[in-house]
Amino acid sequence: MTTDALGDIEKHAKDAMLKAVENTKRELSTIRSGKATTSLLDVVRVEAYGQQLPLNQVASVSAPEPRLLTVQPWDKSLIGAVEKAILASDLGLNPANDGTIIRVPLPPLTEERRRELVKVVHKLAEEGRIGIRHARTDALAKIKKVEHVSDDDKRRADKDVQKLHDDAIHQVEAVVKGKEDEIMEV
């Protein structure tokens, strides 16, 4: 192995850390804050055509107002199934349909519920941090095993991996801070 191997290890570590950051962002986007976001309904699965389909495959979801989502099924015969799926989800939402479109008003969050959601955000963020740390640990172990490379190159690679780790952790912290502010905003 040569210094090319060190570069490959660093690239793999960077990819794994970015994947952990993106996964954390995606997980946090599904947490309900005071504002309506279309990703809120990503977890809803609708019984349609004899199978369970994600909501976004049977309807378009939009957020015309800060506290309202609208869901418009492409097939009008599915409006009841979509409404039922939203009700059955653990999101605590009460959809209402007018025959062509489903309106999903978002009730304001209580202070207690906001605090619970912040705890969930921190738990998900910690899972992201753990993924980032695993990528770093894996990369550092591989760097130590590389042969025919100077100790200086190994130390430089260690520092580069640590910098990638620090940057990824900082990104997760920034996302968590933003989501926490969004949830606690009244």
N, C-alpha and C. Protein backbone atom coordinates (compact mmCIF):
# COMPACT_ATOMS: atom_id res chain seq x y z
N MET A 1 0.83 -1.20 0.00
CA MET A 1 0.00 0.00 0.00
C MET A 1 0.87 1.25 0.00
N THR A 2 0.35 2.29 -0.55
CA THR A 2 1.10 3.55 -0.65
C THR A 2 0.25 4.69 -0.13
N THR A 3 0.74 5.90 -0.38
CA THR A 3 -0.03 7.07 0.05
C THR A 3 -1.37 7.15 -0.67
N ASP A 4 -1.49 6.48 -1.85
CA ASP A 4 -2.80 6.41 -2.52
C ASP A 4 -3.80 5.72 -1.62
N ALA A 5 -3.33 4.72 -0.90
CA ALA A 5 -4.21 3.99 0.02
C ALA A 5 -4.71 4.93 1.12
N LEU A 6 -3.84 5.81 1.60
CA LEU A 6 -4.25 6.77 2.63
C LEU A 6 -5.33 7.69 2.08
N GLY A 7 -5.16 8.13 0.84
CA GLY A 7 -6.16 8.98 0.20
C GLY A 7 -7.50 8.27 0.05
N ASP A 8 -7.44 6.98 -0.30
CA ASP A 8 -8.67 6.19 -0.44
C ASP A 8 -9.38 6.06 0.91
N ILE A 9 -8.59 5.83 1.97
CA ILE A 9 -9.15 5.70 3.32
C ILE A 9 -9.83 7.01 3.72
N GLU A 10 -9.15 8.13 3.47
CA GLU A 10 -9.72 9.44 3.80
C GLU A 10 -11.01 9.69 3.02
N LYS A 11 -11.00 9.34 1.72
CA LYS A 11 -12.19 9.54 0.89
C LYS A 11 -13.35 8.69 1.41
N HIS A 12 -13.07 7.45 1.74
CA HIS A 12 -14.11 6.56 2.27
C HIS A 12 -14.66 7.11 3.59
N ALA A 13 -13.78 7.60 4.46
CA ALA A 13 -14.21 8.16 5.74
C ALA A 13 -15.08 9.39 5.50
N LYS A 14 -14.67 10.25 4.56
CA LYS A 14 -15.44 11.46 4.25
C LYS A 14 -16.83 11.09 3.74
N ASP A 15 -16.90 10.10 2.85
CA ASP A 15 -18.19 9.66 2.31
C ASP A 15 -19.09 9.13 3.42
N ALA A 16 -18.52 8.31 4.32
CA ALA A 16 -19.30 7.74 5.42
C ALA A 16 -19.81 8.83 6.35
N MET A 17 -18.96 9.83 6.63
CA MET A 17 -19.37 10.92 7.51
C MET A 17 -20.46 11.78 6.87
N LEU A 18 -20.31 12.06 5.57
CA LEU A 18 -21.34 12.83 4.86
C LEU A 18 -22.67 12.08 4.85
N LYS A 19 -22.60 10.76 4.69
CA LYS A 19 -23.81 9.95 4.70
C LYS A 19 -24.49 10.05 6.06
N ALA A 20 -23.71 10.03 7.14
CA ALA A 20 -24.27 10.15 8.49
C ALA A 20 -24.92 11.52 8.68
N VAL A 21 -24.28 12.58 8.19
CA VAL A 21 -24.84 13.93 8.30
C VAL A 21 -26.15 14.03 7.51
N GLU A 22 -26.15 13.52 6.28
CA GLU A 22 -27.35 13.58 5.44
C GLU A 22 -28.49 12.78 6.06
N ASN A 23 -28.16 11.62 6.60
CA ASN A 23 -29.18 10.79 7.25
C ASN A 23 -29.78 11.53 8.45
N THR A 24 -28.94 12.19 9.22
CA THR A 24 -29.43 12.96 10.37
C THR A 24 -30.35 14.09 9.91
N LYS A 25 -29.96 14.79 8.85
CA LYS A 25 -30.80 15.87 8.31
C LYS A 25 -32.16 15.32 7.87
N ARG A 26 -32.12 14.17 7.19
CA ARG A 26 -33.37 13.57 6.71
C ARG A 26 -34.26 13.16 7.88
N GLU A 27 -33.67 12.55 8.89
CA GLU A 27 -34.44 12.13 10.08
C GLU A 27 -35.06 13.34 10.77
N LEU A 28 -34.28 14.40 10.91
CA LEU A 28 -34.77 15.59 11.61
C LEU A 28 -35.87 16.30 10.82
N SER A 29 -35.83 16.17 9.49
CA SER A 29 -36.85 16.86 8.69
C SER A 29 -38.24 16.25 8.90
N THR A 30 -38.30 15.00 9.39
CA THR A 30 -39.60 14.38 9.60
C THR A 30 -40.20 14.75 10.96
N ILE A 31 -39.42 15.42 11.80
CA ILE A 31 -39.94 15.81 13.12
C ILE A 31 -40.77 17.08 12.96
N ARG A 32 -41.92 17.05 13.54
CA ARG A 32 -42.86 18.15 13.39
C ARG A 32 -42.45 19.34 14.25
N SER A 33 -42.38 20.47 13.62
CA SER A 33 -42.16 21.70 14.38
C SER A 33 -43.46 22.49 14.26
N GLY A 34 -43.44 23.74 14.56
CA GLY A 34 -44.65 24.53 14.47
C GLY A 34 -45.07 24.82 13.05
N LYS A 35 -44.17 24.61 12.09
CA LYS A 35 -44.46 24.95 10.70
C LYS A 35 -44.78 23.70 9.88
N ALA A 36 -45.61 23.88 8.87
CA ALA A 36 -45.96 22.78 7.98
C ALA A 36 -44.83 22.54 6.99
N THR A 37 -44.40 21.30 6.87
CA THR A 37 -43.44 20.91 5.83
C THR A 37 -43.98 19.65 5.17
N THR A 38 -43.76 19.56 3.88
CA THR A 38 -44.28 18.40 3.15
C THR A 38 -43.60 17.11 3.60
N SER A 39 -42.37 17.18 4.09
CA SER A 39 -41.67 15.96 4.53
C SER A 39 -42.30 15.38 5.78
N LEU A 40 -43.15 16.13 6.45
CA LEU A 40 -43.83 15.63 7.65
C LEU A 40 -44.64 14.37 7.34
N LEU A 41 -45.20 14.30 6.14
CA LEU A 41 -46.04 13.16 5.78
C LEU A 41 -45.27 12.05 5.05
N ASP A 42 -43.95 12.15 5.00
CA ASP A 42 -43.14 11.12 4.32
C ASP A 42 -43.31 9.74 4.95
N VAL A 43 -43.62 9.69 6.22
CA VAL A 43 -43.74 8.40 6.91
C VAL A 43 -45.10 7.73 6.67
N VAL A 44 -46.06 8.44 6.09
CA VAL A 44 -47.41 7.90 5.89
C VAL A 44 -47.40 6.93 4.70
N ARG A 45 -47.99 5.74 4.94
CA ARG A 45 -48.11 4.73 3.89
C ARG A 45 -49.60 4.48 3.66
N VAL A 46 -49.99 4.47 2.39
CA VAL A 46 -51.39 4.36 2.01
C VAL A 46 -51.68 2.98 1.41
N GLU A 47 -52.80 2.40 1.81
CA GLU A 47 -53.26 1.13 1.23
C GLU A 47 -53.89 1.47 -0.12
N ALA A 48 -53.19 1.15 -1.21
CA ALA A 48 -53.67 1.49 -2.54
C ALA A 48 -53.28 0.41 -3.53
N TYR A 49 -54.20 0.04 -4.38
CA TYR A 49 -53.96 -0.95 -5.42
C TYR A 49 -53.42 -2.26 -4.84
N GLY A 50 -53.92 -2.63 -3.66
CA GLY A 50 -53.54 -3.90 -3.06
C GLY A 50 -52.20 -3.92 -2.36
N GLN A 51 -51.59 -2.76 -2.16
CA GLN A 51 -50.30 -2.73 -1.46
C GLN A 51 -50.13 -1.43 -0.69
N GLN A 52 -49.13 -1.41 0.19
CA GLN A 52 -48.82 -0.21 0.98
C GLN A 52 -47.85 0.66 0.17
N LEU A 53 -48.27 1.86 -0.15
CA LEU A 53 -47.43 2.77 -0.93
C LEU A 53 -47.15 4.04 -0.12
N PRO A 54 -45.96 4.63 -0.29
CA PRO A 54 -45.69 5.92 0.36
C PRO A 54 -46.68 6.96 -0.18
N LEU A 55 -47.09 7.87 0.68
CA LEU A 55 -48.07 8.89 0.32
C LEU A 55 -47.65 9.66 -0.93
N ASN A 56 -46.35 9.98 -1.04
CA ASN A 56 -45.90 10.80 -2.17
C ASN A 56 -45.98 10.06 -3.51
N GLN A 57 -46.31 8.74 -3.49
CA GLN A 57 -46.48 8.01 -4.75
C GLN A 57 -47.94 7.97 -5.21
N VAL A 58 -48.85 8.42 -4.34
CA VAL A 58 -50.27 8.40 -4.73
C VAL A 58 -50.91 9.79 -4.68
N ALA A 59 -50.17 10.78 -4.18
CA ALA A 59 -50.75 12.12 -4.05
C ALA A 59 -49.65 13.17 -4.03
N SER A 60 -50.06 14.40 -4.33
CA SER A 60 -49.11 15.52 -4.19
C SER A 60 -49.41 16.21 -2.86
N VAL A 61 -48.33 16.57 -2.16
CA VAL A 61 -48.45 17.21 -0.85
C VAL A 61 -47.87 18.61 -0.97
N SER A 62 -48.60 19.60 -0.43
CA SER A 62 -48.07 20.97 -0.45
C SER A 62 -48.38 21.65 0.87
N ALA A 63 -47.66 22.73 1.13
CA ALA A 63 -47.85 23.50 2.36
C ALA A 63 -48.18 24.94 1.98
N PRO A 64 -49.46 25.23 1.69
CA PRO A 64 -49.84 26.57 1.25
C PRO A 64 -49.79 27.62 2.36
N GLU A 65 -49.90 27.16 3.61
CA GLU A 65 -49.84 28.08 4.76
C GLU A 65 -48.93 27.47 5.82
N PRO A 66 -48.42 28.29 6.76
CA PRO A 66 -47.51 27.77 7.78
C PRO A 66 -48.11 26.67 8.66
N ARG A 67 -49.41 26.64 8.84
CA ARG A 67 -50.03 25.63 9.71
C ARG A 67 -51.01 24.73 8.96
N LEU A 68 -50.81 24.55 7.65
CA LEU A 68 -51.72 23.73 6.86
C LEU A 68 -50.98 22.97 5.77
N LEU A 69 -51.28 21.68 5.67
CA LEU A 69 -50.80 20.88 4.55
C LEU A 69 -52.01 20.51 3.71
N THR A 70 -51.82 20.44 2.41
CA THR A 70 -52.89 19.94 1.55
C THR A 70 -52.36 18.72 0.81
N VAL A 71 -53.24 17.73 0.69
CA VAL A 71 -52.89 16.49 0.01
C VAL A 71 -53.91 16.28 -1.09
N GLN A 72 -53.43 16.14 -2.32
CA GLN A 72 -54.34 15.94 -3.44
C GLN A 72 -54.00 14.61 -4.11
N PRO A 73 -54.82 13.57 -3.86
CA PRO A 73 -54.57 12.26 -4.50
C PRO A 73 -54.73 12.38 -6.01
N TRP A 74 -53.88 11.68 -6.76
CA TRP A 74 -53.97 11.72 -8.21
C TRP A 74 -55.18 10.92 -8.67
N ASP A 75 -55.51 9.87 -7.93
CA ASP A 75 -56.69 9.06 -8.22
C ASP A 75 -57.74 9.40 -7.17
N LYS A 76 -58.84 10.04 -7.60
CA LYS A 76 -59.86 10.52 -6.65
C LYS A 76 -60.45 9.39 -5.80
N SER A 77 -60.40 8.15 -6.30
CA SER A 77 -60.97 7.03 -5.53
C SER A 77 -60.13 6.70 -4.30
N LEU A 78 -58.93 7.23 -4.22
CA LEU A 78 -58.04 6.95 -3.08
C LEU A 78 -58.18 7.97 -1.95
N ILE A 79 -59.05 8.97 -2.11
CA ILE A 79 -59.12 10.05 -1.11
C ILE A 79 -59.43 9.51 0.28
N GLY A 80 -60.33 8.53 0.37
CA GLY A 80 -60.66 7.94 1.67
C GLY A 80 -59.49 7.18 2.27
N ALA A 81 -58.77 6.42 1.43
CA ALA A 81 -57.61 5.64 1.90
C ALA A 81 -56.49 6.56 2.38
N VAL A 82 -56.29 7.66 1.67
CA VAL A 82 -55.25 8.62 2.07
C VAL A 82 -55.61 9.26 3.41
N GLU A 83 -56.87 9.68 3.53
CA GLU A 83 -57.32 10.29 4.79
C GLU A 83 -57.17 9.32 5.95
N LYS A 84 -57.55 8.06 5.71
CA LYS A 84 -57.45 7.02 6.74
C LYS A 84 -55.98 6.79 7.14
N ALA A 85 -55.08 6.79 6.16
CA ALA A 85 -53.65 6.57 6.43
C ALA A 85 -53.06 7.70 7.27
N ILE A 86 -53.48 8.94 6.98
CA ILE A 86 -52.98 10.08 7.76
C ILE A 86 -53.49 9.98 9.19
N LEU A 87 -54.75 9.61 9.36
CA LEU A 87 -55.33 9.45 10.69
C LEU A 87 -54.62 8.33 11.46
N ALA A 88 -54.30 7.23 10.77
CA ALA A 88 -53.69 6.07 11.42
C ALA A 88 -52.22 6.31 11.78
N SER A 89 -51.59 7.27 11.13
CA SER A 89 -50.17 7.55 11.45
C SER A 89 -50.10 8.12 12.87
N ASP A 90 -48.95 8.01 13.48
CA ASP A 90 -48.78 8.50 14.85
C ASP A 90 -48.43 9.99 14.89
N LEU A 91 -48.87 10.74 13.91
CA LEU A 91 -48.51 12.15 13.84
C LEU A 91 -49.48 13.05 14.61
N GLY A 92 -50.61 12.50 15.02
CA GLY A 92 -51.57 13.29 15.78
C GLY A 92 -52.26 14.35 14.93
N LEU A 93 -52.51 14.03 13.67
CA LEU A 93 -53.14 14.99 12.76
C LEU A 93 -54.57 14.57 12.46
N ASN A 94 -55.44 15.56 12.21
CA ASN A 94 -56.85 15.32 11.90
C ASN A 94 -57.18 15.88 10.52
N PRO A 95 -57.03 15.04 9.48
CA PRO A 95 -57.31 15.52 8.13
C PRO A 95 -58.81 15.68 7.88
N ALA A 96 -59.14 16.58 6.95
CA ALA A 96 -60.53 16.78 6.54
C ALA A 96 -60.55 16.86 5.02
N ASN A 97 -61.48 16.13 4.38
CA ASN A 97 -61.50 16.19 2.92
C ASN A 97 -62.80 16.80 2.42
N ASP A 98 -62.71 17.45 1.27
CA ASP A 98 -63.89 18.07 0.68
C ASP A 98 -64.28 17.37 -0.63
N GLY A 99 -63.80 16.14 -0.79
CA GLY A 99 -64.13 15.38 -1.99
C GLY A 99 -63.04 15.39 -3.05
N THR A 100 -62.22 16.44 -3.07
CA THR A 100 -61.15 16.51 -4.06
C THR A 100 -59.78 16.71 -3.42
N ILE A 101 -59.76 17.35 -2.28
CA ILE A 101 -58.49 17.67 -1.63
C ILE A 101 -58.61 17.42 -0.12
N ILE A 102 -57.51 16.99 0.47
CA ILE A 102 -57.50 16.75 1.91
C ILE A 102 -56.72 17.87 2.57
N ARG A 103 -57.33 18.53 3.53
CA ARG A 103 -56.65 19.59 4.28
C ARG A 103 -56.22 19.00 5.62
N VAL A 104 -54.95 19.24 5.96
CA VAL A 104 -54.42 18.72 7.22
C VAL A 104 -53.92 19.90 8.04
N PRO A 105 -54.78 20.43 8.94
CA PRO A 105 -54.34 21.54 9.79
C PRO A 105 -53.38 21.03 10.86
N LEU A 106 -52.35 21.81 11.12
CA LEU A 106 -51.39 21.43 12.15
C LEU A 106 -51.73 22.17 13.44
N PRO A 107 -52.09 21.43 14.48
CA PRO A 107 -52.40 22.10 15.74
C PRO A 107 -51.14 22.69 16.35
N PRO A 108 -51.27 23.79 17.09
CA PRO A 108 -50.09 24.36 17.73
C PRO A 108 -49.52 23.39 18.77
N LEU A 109 -48.21 23.39 18.90
CA LEU A 109 -47.55 22.49 19.85
C LEU A 109 -47.59 23.08 21.25
N THR A 110 -47.82 22.22 22.25
CA THR A 110 -47.76 22.67 23.64
C THR A 110 -46.30 22.75 24.05
N GLU A 111 -46.03 23.47 25.13
CA GLU A 111 -44.66 23.62 25.63
C GLU A 111 -44.07 22.25 25.97
N GLU A 112 -44.89 21.40 26.59
CA GLU A 112 -44.42 20.06 26.97
C GLU A 112 -44.05 19.24 25.73
N ARG A 113 -44.90 19.30 24.71
CA ARG A 113 -44.65 18.56 23.48
C ARG A 113 -43.40 19.09 22.78
N ARG A 114 -43.20 20.38 22.82
CA ARG A 114 -41.98 20.96 22.23
C ARG A 114 -40.73 20.41 22.90
N ARG A 115 -40.76 20.32 24.23
CA ARG A 115 -39.61 19.79 24.97
C ARG A 115 -39.37 18.31 24.62
N GLU A 116 -40.46 17.55 24.48
CA GLU A 116 -40.32 16.15 24.08
C GLU A 116 -39.67 16.03 22.70
N LEU A 117 -40.12 16.89 21.78
CA LEU A 117 -39.57 16.86 20.42
C LEU A 117 -38.09 17.23 20.42
N VAL A 118 -37.70 18.18 21.27
CA VAL A 118 -36.28 18.56 21.36
C VAL A 118 -35.46 17.36 21.85
N LYS A 119 -36.01 16.59 22.79
CA LYS A 119 -35.30 15.39 23.26
C LYS A 119 -35.13 14.39 22.12
N VAL A 120 -36.16 14.23 21.31
CA VAL A 120 -36.08 13.33 20.16
C VAL A 120 -35.01 13.83 19.18
N VAL A 121 -34.98 15.14 18.97
CA VAL A 121 -33.97 15.73 18.08
C VAL A 121 -32.56 15.41 18.59
N HIS A 122 -32.34 15.56 19.88
CA HIS A 122 -31.02 15.29 20.45
C HIS A 122 -30.66 13.81 20.34
N LYS A 123 -31.65 12.93 20.49
CA LYS A 123 -31.41 11.49 20.36
C LYS A 123 -30.99 11.15 18.92
N LEU A 124 -31.71 11.69 17.96
CA LEU A 124 -31.38 11.45 16.55
C LEU A 124 -30.02 12.05 16.20
N ALA A 125 -29.71 13.20 16.76
CA ALA A 125 -28.41 13.83 16.51
C ALA A 125 -27.29 12.97 17.07
N GLU A 126 -27.51 12.38 18.24
CA GLU A 126 -26.49 11.52 18.84
C GLU A 126 -26.25 10.30 17.96
N GLU A 127 -27.31 9.76 17.37
CA GLU A 127 -27.13 8.64 16.44
C GLU A 127 -26.27 9.05 15.25
N GLY A 128 -26.48 10.27 14.76
CA GLY A 128 -25.65 10.78 13.67
C GLY A 128 -24.20 10.94 14.09
N ARG A 129 -23.99 11.48 15.30
CA ARG A 129 -22.63 11.64 15.81
C ARG A 129 -21.93 10.28 15.96
N ILE A 130 -22.68 9.28 16.41
CA ILE A 130 -22.10 7.95 16.57
C ILE A 130 -21.66 7.41 15.21
N GLY A 131 -22.47 7.62 14.18
CA GLY A 131 -22.10 7.19 12.83
C GLY A 131 -20.82 7.87 12.37
N ILE A 132 -20.70 9.15 12.67
CA ILE A 132 -19.51 9.90 12.28
C ILE A 132 -18.29 9.37 13.03
N ARG A 133 -18.46 9.13 14.33
CA ARG A 133 -17.34 8.60 15.13
C ARG A 133 -16.90 7.22 14.65
N HIS A 134 -17.88 6.39 14.27
CA HIS A 134 -17.53 5.05 13.76
C HIS A 134 -16.70 5.18 12.48
N ALA A 135 -17.09 6.10 11.61
CA ALA A 135 -16.33 6.30 10.37
C ALA A 135 -14.90 6.73 10.69
N ARG A 136 -14.75 7.61 11.68
CA ARG A 136 -13.40 8.07 12.07
C ARG A 136 -12.59 6.92 12.64
N THR A 137 -13.17 6.16 13.57
CA THR A 137 -12.46 5.04 14.20
C THR A 137 -12.03 4.03 13.16
N ASP A 138 -12.92 3.72 12.24
CA ASP A 138 -12.62 2.76 11.17
C ASP A 138 -11.45 3.27 10.32
N ALA A 139 -11.49 4.54 9.94
CA ALA A 139 -10.43 5.12 9.11
C ALA A 139 -9.09 5.12 9.85
N LEU A 140 -9.10 5.51 11.13
CA LEU A 140 -7.84 5.55 11.89
C LEU A 140 -7.24 4.15 12.03
N ALA A 141 -8.09 3.14 12.22
CA ALA A 141 -7.59 1.76 12.32
C ALA A 141 -6.97 1.32 11.00
N LYS A 142 -7.60 1.68 9.89
CA LYS A 142 -7.06 1.31 8.58
C LYS A 142 -5.75 2.03 8.30
N ILE A 143 -5.66 3.30 8.73
CA ILE A 143 -4.43 4.07 8.50
C ILE A 143 -3.25 3.41 9.23
N LYS A 144 -3.49 2.94 10.45
CA LYS A 144 -2.42 2.28 11.22
C LYS A 144 -1.91 1.03 10.52
N LYS A 145 -2.79 0.32 9.80
CA LYS A 145 -2.42 -0.94 9.16
C LYS A 145 -1.70 -0.76 7.82
N VAL A 146 -1.73 0.45 7.28
CA VAL A 146 -1.10 0.69 5.98
C VAL A 146 0.41 0.50 6.12
N GLU A 147 0.98 -0.25 5.16
CA GLU A 147 2.41 -0.52 5.18
C GLU A 147 3.11 0.31 4.10
N HIS A 148 4.42 0.44 4.24
CA HIS A 148 5.27 1.14 3.26
C HIS A 148 4.89 2.61 3.12
N VAL A 149 4.48 3.21 4.22
CA VAL A 149 4.16 4.63 4.24
C VAL A 149 4.85 5.22 5.46
N SER A 150 5.41 6.42 5.30
CA SER A 150 6.14 7.04 6.42
C SER A 150 5.18 7.38 7.56
N ASP A 151 5.75 7.45 8.77
CA ASP A 151 4.96 7.81 9.93
C ASP A 151 4.39 9.23 9.79
N ASP A 152 5.15 10.11 9.14
CA ASP A 152 4.67 11.48 8.92
C ASP A 152 3.39 11.48 8.07
N ASP A 153 3.38 10.66 7.02
CA ASP A 153 2.19 10.57 6.17
C ASP A 153 1.00 10.02 6.95
N LYS A 154 1.26 9.04 7.81
CA LYS A 154 0.18 8.47 8.62
C LYS A 154 -0.36 9.51 9.59
N ARG A 155 0.54 10.29 10.21
CA ARG A 155 0.09 11.33 11.13
C ARG A 155 -0.73 12.39 10.40
N ARG A 156 -0.28 12.77 9.21
CA ARG A 156 -1.02 13.74 8.41
C ARG A 156 -2.40 13.19 8.07
N ALA A 157 -2.48 11.93 7.69
CA ALA A 157 -3.77 11.31 7.36
C ALA A 157 -4.67 11.27 8.60
N ASP A 158 -4.07 10.96 9.78
CA ASP A 158 -4.83 10.98 11.03
C ASP A 158 -5.45 12.35 11.28
N LYS A 159 -4.62 13.39 11.08
CA LYS A 159 -5.11 14.77 11.29
C LYS A 159 -6.21 15.12 10.28
N ASP A 160 -6.04 14.68 9.04
CA ASP A 160 -7.06 14.96 8.02
C ASP A 160 -8.39 14.30 8.37
N VAL A 161 -8.31 13.05 8.83
CA VAL A 161 -9.53 12.33 9.21
C VAL A 161 -10.19 13.02 10.41
N GLN A 162 -9.35 13.46 11.37
CA GLN A 162 -9.89 14.16 12.55
C GLN A 162 -10.58 15.47 12.12
N LYS A 163 -10.00 16.17 11.15
CA LYS A 163 -10.61 17.41 10.67
C LYS A 163 -11.95 17.11 9.98
N LEU A 164 -11.99 16.05 9.18
CA LEU A 164 -13.25 15.65 8.55
C LEU A 164 -14.31 15.35 9.62
N HIS A 165 -13.88 14.65 10.67
CA HIS A 165 -14.77 14.31 11.79
C HIS A 165 -15.31 15.58 12.44
N ASP A 166 -14.42 16.50 12.75
CA ASP A 166 -14.82 17.74 13.42
C ASP A 166 -15.80 18.54 12.56
N ASP A 167 -15.52 18.60 11.25
CA ASP A 167 -16.42 19.33 10.34
C ASP A 167 -17.80 18.69 10.30
N ALA A 168 -17.84 17.35 10.24
CA ALA A 168 -19.12 16.64 10.17
C ALA A 168 -19.91 16.84 11.47
N ILE A 169 -19.23 16.76 12.60
CA ILE A 169 -19.90 16.97 13.90
C ILE A 169 -20.46 18.40 13.95
N HIS A 170 -19.67 19.36 13.45
CA HIS A 170 -20.12 20.77 13.44
C HIS A 170 -21.38 20.91 12.58
N GLN A 171 -21.44 20.22 11.44
CA GLN A 171 -22.62 20.27 10.58
C GLN A 171 -23.85 19.73 11.31
N VAL A 172 -23.68 18.60 12.00
CA VAL A 172 -24.80 18.01 12.75
C VAL A 172 -25.26 18.99 13.83
N GLU A 173 -24.30 19.60 14.55
CA GLU A 173 -24.65 20.56 15.61
C GLU A 173 -25.44 21.74 15.05
N ALA A 174 -25.03 22.22 13.87
CA ALA A 174 -25.72 23.35 13.26
C ALA A 174 -27.16 22.97 12.88
N VAL A 175 -27.34 21.77 12.34
CA VAL A 175 -28.67 21.30 11.97
C VAL A 175 -29.54 21.15 13.22
N VAL A 176 -28.96 20.59 14.28
CA VAL A 176 -29.70 20.39 15.53
C VAL A 176 -30.12 21.73 16.11
N LYS A 177 -29.20 22.69 16.13
CA LYS A 177 -29.50 24.02 16.67
C LYS A 177 -30.66 24.65 15.89
N GLY A 178 -30.60 24.56 14.57
CA GLY A 178 -31.66 25.12 13.73
C GLY A 178 -33.00 24.46 13.99
N LYS A 179 -32.99 23.13 14.10
CA LYS A 179 -34.24 22.40 14.33
C LYS A 179 -34.80 22.70 15.72
N GLU A 180 -33.90 22.79 16.70
CA GLU A 180 -34.32 23.12 18.08
C GLU A 180 -34.96 24.50 18.12
N ASP A 181 -34.33 25.48 17.47
CA ASP A 181 -34.90 26.84 17.43
C ASP A 181 -36.28 26.83 16.74
N GLU A 182 -36.37 26.05 15.65
CA GLU A 182 -37.62 25.96 14.90
C GLU A 182 -38.74 25.36 15.76
N ILE A 183 -38.41 24.33 16.55
CA ILE A 183 -39.41 23.68 17.40
C ILE A 183 -39.84 24.60 18.54
N MET A 184 -38.89 25.29 19.17
CA MET A 184 -39.18 26.09 20.35
C MET A 184 -39.82 27.44 20.00
N GLU A 185 -39.77 27.82 18.69
CA GLU A 185 -40.36 29.08 18.27
C GLU A 185 -41.87 29.01 18.43
N VAL A 186 -42.45 30.00 19.11
CA VAL A 186 -43.90 29.99 19.34
C VAL A 186 -44.59 30.89 18.34
